[in-house]
Amino acid sequence: GVGVQTVQKTDYAFEMASSNIRYGAGVSREIGMDLQNLGAQNVCLMTDRNLSVLPPVKAVLESLAKNGIQYKVYDNVRVEPTDTSFKEAIAFAKNGSFDVYVAVGGASVIDTCKAANLYASHPDPRLPGLCQRSNRQREASDRSLPTTAGTGSETTGVAIFDFESLKAKTGIASRAIRPTLGIVDPIHTLSMPERVAANSGFDVLCHGMSYPIAGNVKSHSAKGYSVEHPLVPHGLSVVLTSPAVFNFTAPSCPERHLEAAEILVPVYPVYLSSGAVTDSVLRSGTVTDSVLRSGADIRQVKREDAGAVLADTLRHFLFDLAVEDGLWRRASNQTVTHDNTSEDDLSELFEASMKIY
């Protein structure tokens, strides 16, 4: 008989690759000892101008000085980097002959440091080479110390930037630029401005639609961010569409959406007024019951209502955190676009996100 060839239509395996991670309160103070043991001769420390005067950078610099590490500081990283800001950091790195790179900041700092390390180690004539998958070997050793709760950049071989001439958000994708070590110190989150803390937390939510929102910004001034250019923070661009998106995705797995609604416990306004979440509380890893409020009561909720329940829970959560009322605030002086306007579902999700409350 005629043989029938079966084509497998689903994935049968997955692979995980990540940086080495060291986690703990105060671990930033170990960076100098690490670099001394590594035999570092000339260290490049990258950060941004706001962070350069805050406790996270101060702790790292004190550790480097204590251990006799020679270093230079680049503090001109742009929040939401562009190809232009990447080029400036790359020029600094090329002139420094550094053997170790240390990034202290959020994803903007860490991604900029990755690109600088790549181009200083393997010079290319043109920046567009960054937009391709790299087959390069390992760059100079790279330590990343995230100062926000949402980045995750310390674990990936990806560096994202806005390519200004193309009006597109793109980047590098290569395991070679994944940080050698991520040093995650939860104490650093205490020095974040209020809005930065909220927006970095939002980064765990739905992605994809955030890129055209942030990439098309022309005039929006982000609250709590001391920058001179228009900016829609990544976490804010993520969260503005979250009620509509989760209402749309709920039929795929109602149980998980209901679970999310149940465990989404707003604590933010309470701890701001009470001061209950302090350095000592964070170190102990506990938050008292008096600080917490319950999430959604899902005991009598039908599966088909899971999306609406989670969307409403998110709306209450965002209202408590004083998040702006939808994309119309972003779109008053700009057009929010996406790659394929013929996709009815995507268009409807954008429209549903124009106003949240």
Protein backbone atom coordinates (compact mmCIF):
# COMPACT_ATOMS: atom_id res chain seq x y z
CA GLY A 1 0.00 0.00 0.00
CA VAL A 2 0.92 3.68 -0.20
CA GLY A 3 2.74 4.89 2.89
CA VAL A 4 1.29 7.89 4.71
CA GLN A 5 3.75 10.44 6.04
CA THR A 6 2.69 12.01 9.31
CA VAL A 7 3.72 15.64 9.75
CA GLN A 8 4.12 16.74 13.36
CA LYS A 9 2.29 20.03 13.80
CA THR A 10 3.13 20.78 17.40
CA ASP A 11 6.34 21.40 19.30
CA TYR A 12 7.65 18.36 21.10
CA ALA A 13 10.50 19.91 23.11
CA PHE A 14 11.82 23.17 24.42
CA GLU A 15 15.21 24.45 25.51
CA MET A 16 16.03 26.88 28.31
CA ALA A 17 19.16 29.01 28.45
CA SER A 18 19.84 31.74 30.97
CA SER A 19 22.52 33.71 32.73
CA ASN A 20 23.89 32.62 36.05
CA ILE A 21 21.90 34.49 38.68
CA ARG A 22 22.92 35.51 42.18
CA TYR A 23 20.01 36.76 44.26
CA GLY A 24 19.92 38.27 47.72
CA ALA A 25 19.60 41.47 49.71
CA GLY A 26 22.92 43.32 49.61
CA VAL A 27 24.66 41.11 47.01
CA SER A 28 25.66 44.20 45.03
CA ARG A 29 28.44 44.71 47.54
CA GLU A 30 30.11 41.54 46.25
CA ILE A 31 30.76 42.85 42.74
CA GLY A 32 34.21 44.21 43.58
CA MET A 33 35.34 40.89 45.02
CA ASP A 34 33.96 39.06 41.97
CA LEU A 35 35.90 41.24 39.57
CA GLN A 36 39.06 40.97 41.65
CA ASN A 37 38.79 37.17 41.53
CA LEU A 38 38.17 37.42 37.80
CA GLY A 39 41.37 39.40 37.35
CA ALA A 40 39.62 42.41 35.84
CA GLN A 41 42.05 45.11 34.76
CA ASN A 42 39.80 47.78 33.25
CA VAL A 43 36.06 47.84 33.96
CA CYS A 44 33.34 49.77 32.15
CA LEU A 45 30.38 50.62 34.39
CA MET A 46 27.29 51.72 32.49
CA THR A 47 24.26 53.43 33.98
CA ASP A 48 22.03 56.45 33.34
CA ARG A 49 22.25 59.95 34.76
CA ASN A 50 19.38 59.51 37.20
CA LEU A 51 20.76 56.28 38.62
CA SER A 52 24.31 57.61 38.81
CA VAL A 53 23.49 59.48 42.02
CA LEU A 54 21.27 56.81 43.61
CA PRO A 55 22.15 54.03 46.11
CA PRO A 56 22.50 51.13 43.60
CA VAL A 57 25.35 52.77 41.70
CA LYS A 58 26.88 54.10 44.91
CA ALA A 59 27.00 50.58 46.37
CA VAL A 60 28.69 49.19 43.27
CA LEU A 61 31.27 51.99 43.08
CA GLU A 62 32.12 51.58 46.75
CA SER A 63 32.65 47.85 46.20
CA LEU A 64 34.89 48.46 43.18
CA ALA A 65 36.99 51.03 45.06
CA LYS A 66 37.26 48.81 48.14
CA ASN A 67 38.68 45.98 46.04
CA GLY A 68 41.06 48.17 44.04
CA ILE A 69 39.26 47.75 40.71
CA GLN A 70 40.13 50.24 37.97
CA TYR A 71 36.98 51.47 36.23
CA LYS A 72 35.38 54.17 34.10
CA VAL A 73 31.74 55.23 34.29
CA TYR A 74 29.46 55.84 31.30
CA ASP A 75 26.27 57.48 32.60
CA ASN A 76 24.77 58.74 29.34
CA VAL A 77 22.50 55.76 28.67
CA ARG A 78 19.17 56.83 27.19
CA VAL A 79 15.96 55.55 28.76
CA GLU A 80 14.39 53.59 25.88
CA PRO A 81 17.60 53.54 23.78
CA THR A 82 17.86 54.36 20.09
CA ASP A 83 20.43 53.49 17.45
CA THR A 84 21.96 56.93 18.10
CA SER A 85 22.34 56.34 21.83
CA PHE A 86 23.74 52.86 21.13
CA LYS A 87 26.36 54.40 18.84
CA GLU A 88 27.43 56.84 21.56
CA ALA A 89 27.87 54.05 24.09
CA ILE A 90 29.70 51.91 21.50
CA ALA A 91 32.14 54.77 20.82
CA PHE A 92 32.88 55.05 24.56
CA ALA A 93 33.46 51.30 24.81
CA LYS A 94 35.74 51.20 21.77
CA ASN A 95 37.94 53.92 23.21
CA GLY A 96 38.24 52.26 26.60
CA SER A 97 39.79 48.83 25.90
CA PHE A 98 37.67 47.31 28.67
CA ASP A 99 37.92 43.67 29.69
CA VAL A 100 34.74 43.59 31.84
CA TYR A 101 31.42 45.42 31.54
CA VAL A 102 29.09 46.12 34.47
CA ALA A 103 25.55 47.38 33.83
CA VAL A 104 23.67 48.95 36.74
CA GLY A 105 20.11 49.84 35.79
CA GLY A 106 16.99 48.65 34.05
CA ALA A 107 16.66 47.13 30.61
CA SER A 108 17.75 50.33 28.87
CA VAL A 109 21.09 50.26 30.65
CA ILE A 110 21.62 46.51 30.37
CA ASP A 111 20.71 46.40 26.67
CA THR A 112 22.97 49.37 25.90
CA CYS A 113 25.82 47.67 27.72
CA LYS A 114 25.30 44.49 25.69
CA ALA A 115 25.51 46.42 22.42
CA ALA A 116 28.60 48.34 23.55
CA ASN A 117 30.31 45.12 24.57
CA LEU A 118 29.43 43.48 21.25
CA TYR A 119 30.75 46.26 19.04
CA ALA A 120 33.85 46.94 21.12
CA SER A 121 34.75 43.24 20.99
CA HIS A 122 33.76 42.70 17.33
CA PRO A 123 33.73 46.04 15.46
CA ASP A 124 31.42 46.28 12.48
CA PRO A 125 31.30 49.15 9.99
CA ARG A 126 27.56 49.78 10.27
CA LEU A 127 25.02 49.69 13.07
CA PRO A 128 22.36 47.81 11.02
CA GLY A 129 24.44 44.70 11.61
CA LEU A 130 22.91 44.74 15.07
CA CYS A 131 19.53 43.87 13.62
CA GLN A 132 20.63 40.43 12.56
CA ARG A 133 21.12 37.31 14.60
CA SER A 134 24.76 37.21 15.57
CA ASN A 135 26.94 34.10 15.31
CA ARG A 136 29.77 35.78 17.17
CA GLN A 137 31.71 34.20 19.98
CA ARG A 138 31.52 35.34 23.58
CA GLU A 139 32.24 39.02 24.20
CA ALA A 140 34.05 40.42 27.23
CA SER A 141 32.70 39.31 30.60
CA ASP A 142 29.45 41.09 31.47
CA ARG A 143 27.89 41.59 34.92
CA SER A 144 24.35 42.98 35.04
CA LEU A 145 22.76 44.44 38.17
CA PRO A 146 19.07 45.20 37.50
CA THR A 147 17.60 48.05 39.52
CA THR A 148 13.97 47.49 38.50
CA ALA A 149 11.60 44.60 39.09
CA GLY A 150 10.51 44.03 35.51
CA THR A 151 13.46 43.94 33.16
CA GLY A 152 14.64 40.33 32.83
CA SER A 153 17.36 41.65 30.52
CA GLU A 154 20.00 40.23 32.84
CA THR A 155 18.95 36.74 31.68
CA THR A 156 18.65 37.17 27.91
CA GLY A 157 20.78 37.52 24.80
CA VAL A 158 18.57 40.29 23.45
CA ALA A 159 19.16 44.05 23.27
CA ILE A 160 16.23 46.20 22.14
CA PHE A 161 16.40 49.70 20.69
CA ASP A 162 14.41 52.13 18.52
CA PHE A 163 15.79 52.30 14.99
CA GLU A 164 14.94 55.93 14.36
CA SER A 165 15.23 56.05 10.55
CA LEU A 166 12.95 53.03 10.20
CA LYS A 167 10.60 54.14 13.01
CA ALA A 168 10.78 50.59 14.33
CA LYS A 169 11.69 48.86 17.56
CA THR A 170 14.21 46.12 16.81
CA GLY A 171 17.40 44.70 18.28
CA ILE A 172 20.09 42.09 18.62
CA ALA A 173 19.40 38.43 19.26
CA SER A 174 22.45 36.38 20.21
CA ARG A 175 23.42 34.11 23.07
CA ALA A 176 26.89 35.64 22.84
CA ILE A 177 25.65 38.86 24.46
CA ARG A 178 23.83 37.21 27.34
CA PRO A 179 25.32 38.50 30.61
CA THR A 180 27.85 36.21 32.27
CA LEU A 181 26.26 36.88 35.66
CA GLY A 182 23.10 38.63 36.79
CA ILE A 183 23.34 40.06 40.31
CA VAL A 184 19.80 40.63 41.55
CA ASP A 185 19.63 42.73 44.71
CA PRO A 186 16.01 43.37 45.80
CA ILE A 187 17.10 46.32 47.95
CA HIS A 188 17.58 48.34 44.76
CA THR A 189 13.85 48.43 44.14
CA LEU A 190 13.49 50.68 47.21
CA SER A 191 15.28 53.52 45.43
CA MET A 192 12.97 53.44 42.41
CA PRO A 193 10.65 56.44 41.95
CA GLU A 194 6.99 55.60 42.53
CA ARG A 195 5.94 55.49 38.87
CA VAL A 196 9.04 53.59 37.79
CA ALA A 197 8.27 50.95 40.42
CA ALA A 198 4.70 50.56 39.18
CA ASN A 199 5.60 50.46 35.49
CA SER A 200 8.41 47.95 35.97
CA GLY A 201 5.98 45.64 37.73
CA PHE A 202 3.56 45.86 34.81
CA ASP A 203 6.21 44.31 32.58
CA VAL A 204 4.99 40.81 33.55
CA LEU A 205 1.73 41.34 31.64
CA CYS A 206 0.76 40.94 27.97
CA HIS A 207 3.32 41.94 25.33
CA GLY A 208 3.30 42.51 21.58
CA MET A 209 0.85 45.39 21.29
CA SER A 210 3.13 47.48 23.48
CA TYR A 211 5.71 48.04 20.74
CA PRO A 212 3.61 50.12 18.33
CA ILE A 213 2.30 52.08 21.31
CA ALA A 214 5.73 53.00 22.66
CA GLY A 215 7.34 53.20 19.23
CA ASN A 216 4.93 55.84 17.93
CA VAL A 217 5.25 58.23 20.87
CA LYS A 218 5.80 61.82 19.79
CA SER A 219 4.80 64.04 22.67
CA HIS A 220 3.92 62.08 25.80
CA SER A 221 5.76 63.07 28.97
CA ALA A 222 5.94 60.17 31.41
CA LYS A 223 5.17 60.90 35.04
CA GLY A 224 8.04 60.13 37.41
CA TYR A 225 10.68 59.93 34.67
CA SER A 226 13.36 62.59 34.52
CA VAL A 227 14.08 62.47 30.78
CA GLU A 228 14.21 65.17 28.12
CA HIS A 229 12.55 63.20 25.31
CA PRO A 230 8.97 61.95 24.75
CA LEU A 231 8.49 58.60 26.45
CA VAL A 232 5.88 55.93 27.03
CA PRO A 233 7.57 53.59 29.53
CA HIS A 234 7.57 49.96 28.44
CA GLY A 235 5.53 48.77 31.42
CA LEU A 236 2.89 51.44 30.80
CA SER A 237 2.62 50.49 27.12
CA VAL A 238 2.12 46.89 28.25
CA VAL A 239 -0.53 47.49 30.86
CA LEU A 240 -2.77 49.88 28.93
CA THR A 241 -4.06 47.04 26.75
CA SER A 242 -4.14 44.37 29.47
CA PRO A 243 -7.89 44.47 30.33
CA ALA A 244 -8.86 44.10 26.67
CA VAL A 245 -6.20 41.49 25.93
CA PHE A 246 -7.02 39.20 28.86
CA ASN A 247 -10.72 39.49 28.13
CA PHE A 248 -9.85 38.27 24.62
CA THR A 249 -7.52 35.42 25.69
CA ALA A 250 -9.67 34.06 28.54
CA PRO A 251 -11.57 31.45 26.48
CA SER A 252 -8.27 29.67 25.82
CA CYS A 253 -7.91 28.85 29.53
CA PRO A 254 -10.59 30.32 31.82
CA GLU A 255 -9.16 28.66 34.92
CA ARG A 256 -5.81 30.41 34.67
CA HIS A 257 -7.47 33.77 34.09
CA LEU A 258 -9.67 33.31 37.14
CA GLU A 259 -6.65 32.31 39.18
CA ALA A 260 -4.91 35.52 38.10
CA ALA A 261 -7.94 37.58 39.15
CA GLU A 262 -7.97 35.86 42.54
CA ILE A 263 -4.30 36.40 43.31
CA LEU A 264 -4.03 39.94 41.91
CA VAL A 265 -3.87 41.64 45.29
CA PRO A 266 -3.40 45.42 45.25
CA VAL A 267 -1.07 46.53 48.04
CA TYR A 268 0.37 49.67 46.50
CA PRO A 269 -1.88 52.48 47.81
CA VAL A 270 -1.87 50.99 51.29
CA TYR A 271 1.86 50.75 51.73
CA LEU A 272 2.35 54.26 50.33
CA SER A 273 0.17 55.70 53.07
CA SER A 274 1.19 53.38 55.90
CA GLY A 275 4.89 52.91 55.18
CA ALA A 276 4.41 49.24 56.01
CA VAL A 277 6.68 47.91 53.26
CA THR A 278 10.10 48.98 54.47
CA ASP A 279 13.69 47.87 54.02
CA SER A 280 13.40 45.49 56.96
CA VAL A 281 10.15 43.99 55.65
CA LEU A 282 11.69 43.42 52.24
CA ARG A 283 14.72 41.75 53.80
CA SER A 284 12.50 39.43 55.82
CA GLY A 285 10.40 38.53 52.77
CA THR A 286 7.11 39.05 54.62
CA VAL A 287 4.24 41.50 54.24
CA THR A 288 1.69 41.67 57.06
CA ASP A 289 -1.98 40.90 56.47
CA SER A 290 -2.85 44.47 57.41
CA VAL A 291 -1.11 45.65 54.24
CA LEU A 292 -2.98 43.32 51.90
CA ARG A 293 -6.43 43.44 50.40
CA SER A 294 -8.11 40.45 48.82
CA GLY A 295 -8.29 39.84 45.08
CA ALA A 296 -11.44 38.87 43.18
CA ASP A 297 -13.89 36.40 44.72
CA ILE A 298 -14.14 33.74 42.01
CA ARG A 299 -16.12 31.10 43.91
CA GLN A 300 -19.38 31.70 42.01
CA VAL A 301 -17.90 32.88 38.70
CA LYS A 302 -18.75 30.99 35.51
CA ARG A 303 -15.94 29.96 33.18
CA GLU A 304 -17.34 32.06 30.35
CA ASP A 305 -17.09 35.16 32.57
CA ALA A 306 -13.40 34.68 33.38
CA GLY A 307 -12.20 37.34 30.93
CA ALA A 308 -14.61 39.98 32.17
CA VAL A 309 -13.72 39.27 35.80
CA LEU A 310 -9.98 39.51 35.22
CA ALA A 311 -10.42 42.64 33.10
CA ASP A 312 -12.47 44.32 35.84
CA THR A 313 -9.95 43.28 38.49
CA LEU A 314 -7.17 44.83 36.41
CA ARG A 315 -9.16 48.04 35.96
CA HIS A 316 -9.55 48.43 39.74
CA PHE A 317 -5.86 47.66 40.18
CA LEU A 318 -4.80 50.23 37.57
CA PHE A 319 -7.17 52.85 38.94
CA ASP A 320 -5.65 52.41 42.41
CA LEU A 321 -2.21 52.97 40.89
CA ALA A 322 -3.36 56.13 39.08
CA VAL A 323 -2.64 54.72 35.62
CA GLU A 324 -3.85 56.99 32.81
CA ASP A 325 -7.24 56.23 31.30
CA GLY A 326 -6.31 54.34 28.15
CA LEU A 327 -4.58 54.93 24.85
CA TRP A 328 -6.50 58.09 24.00
CA ARG A 329 -4.18 59.89 26.42
CA ARG A 330 -1.28 58.68 24.33
CA ALA A 331 -2.96 59.18 20.98
CA SER A 332 -4.22 62.77 21.21
CA ASN A 333 -1.24 64.02 19.16
CA GLN A 334 -0.27 60.83 17.36
CA THR A 335 -1.61 57.86 15.48
CA VAL A 336 -1.33 54.45 17.12
CA THR A 337 -0.57 51.98 14.35
CA HIS A 338 0.21 48.31 14.01
CA ASP A 339 1.67 46.08 11.34
CA ASN A 340 -1.50 44.64 9.85
CA THR A 341 -4.64 46.78 9.99
CA SER A 342 -6.66 44.05 8.30
CA GLU A 343 -6.56 41.95 11.45
CA ASP A 344 -9.99 42.59 12.97
CA ASP A 345 -9.12 41.15 16.38
CA LEU A 346 -6.05 43.32 16.79
CA SER A 347 -7.93 46.42 15.69
CA GLU A 348 -10.71 45.70 18.16
CA LEU A 349 -8.19 45.24 21.00
CA PHE A 350 -6.64 48.63 20.29
CA GLU A 351 -10.06 50.22 20.12
CA ALA A 352 -11.12 48.58 23.38
CA SER A 353 -7.98 49.96 25.03
CA MET A 354 -8.60 53.58 24.06
CA LYS A 355 -10.40 54.06 27.38
CA ILE A 356 -9.94 51.79 30.39
CA TYR A 357 -12.28 53.06 33.09
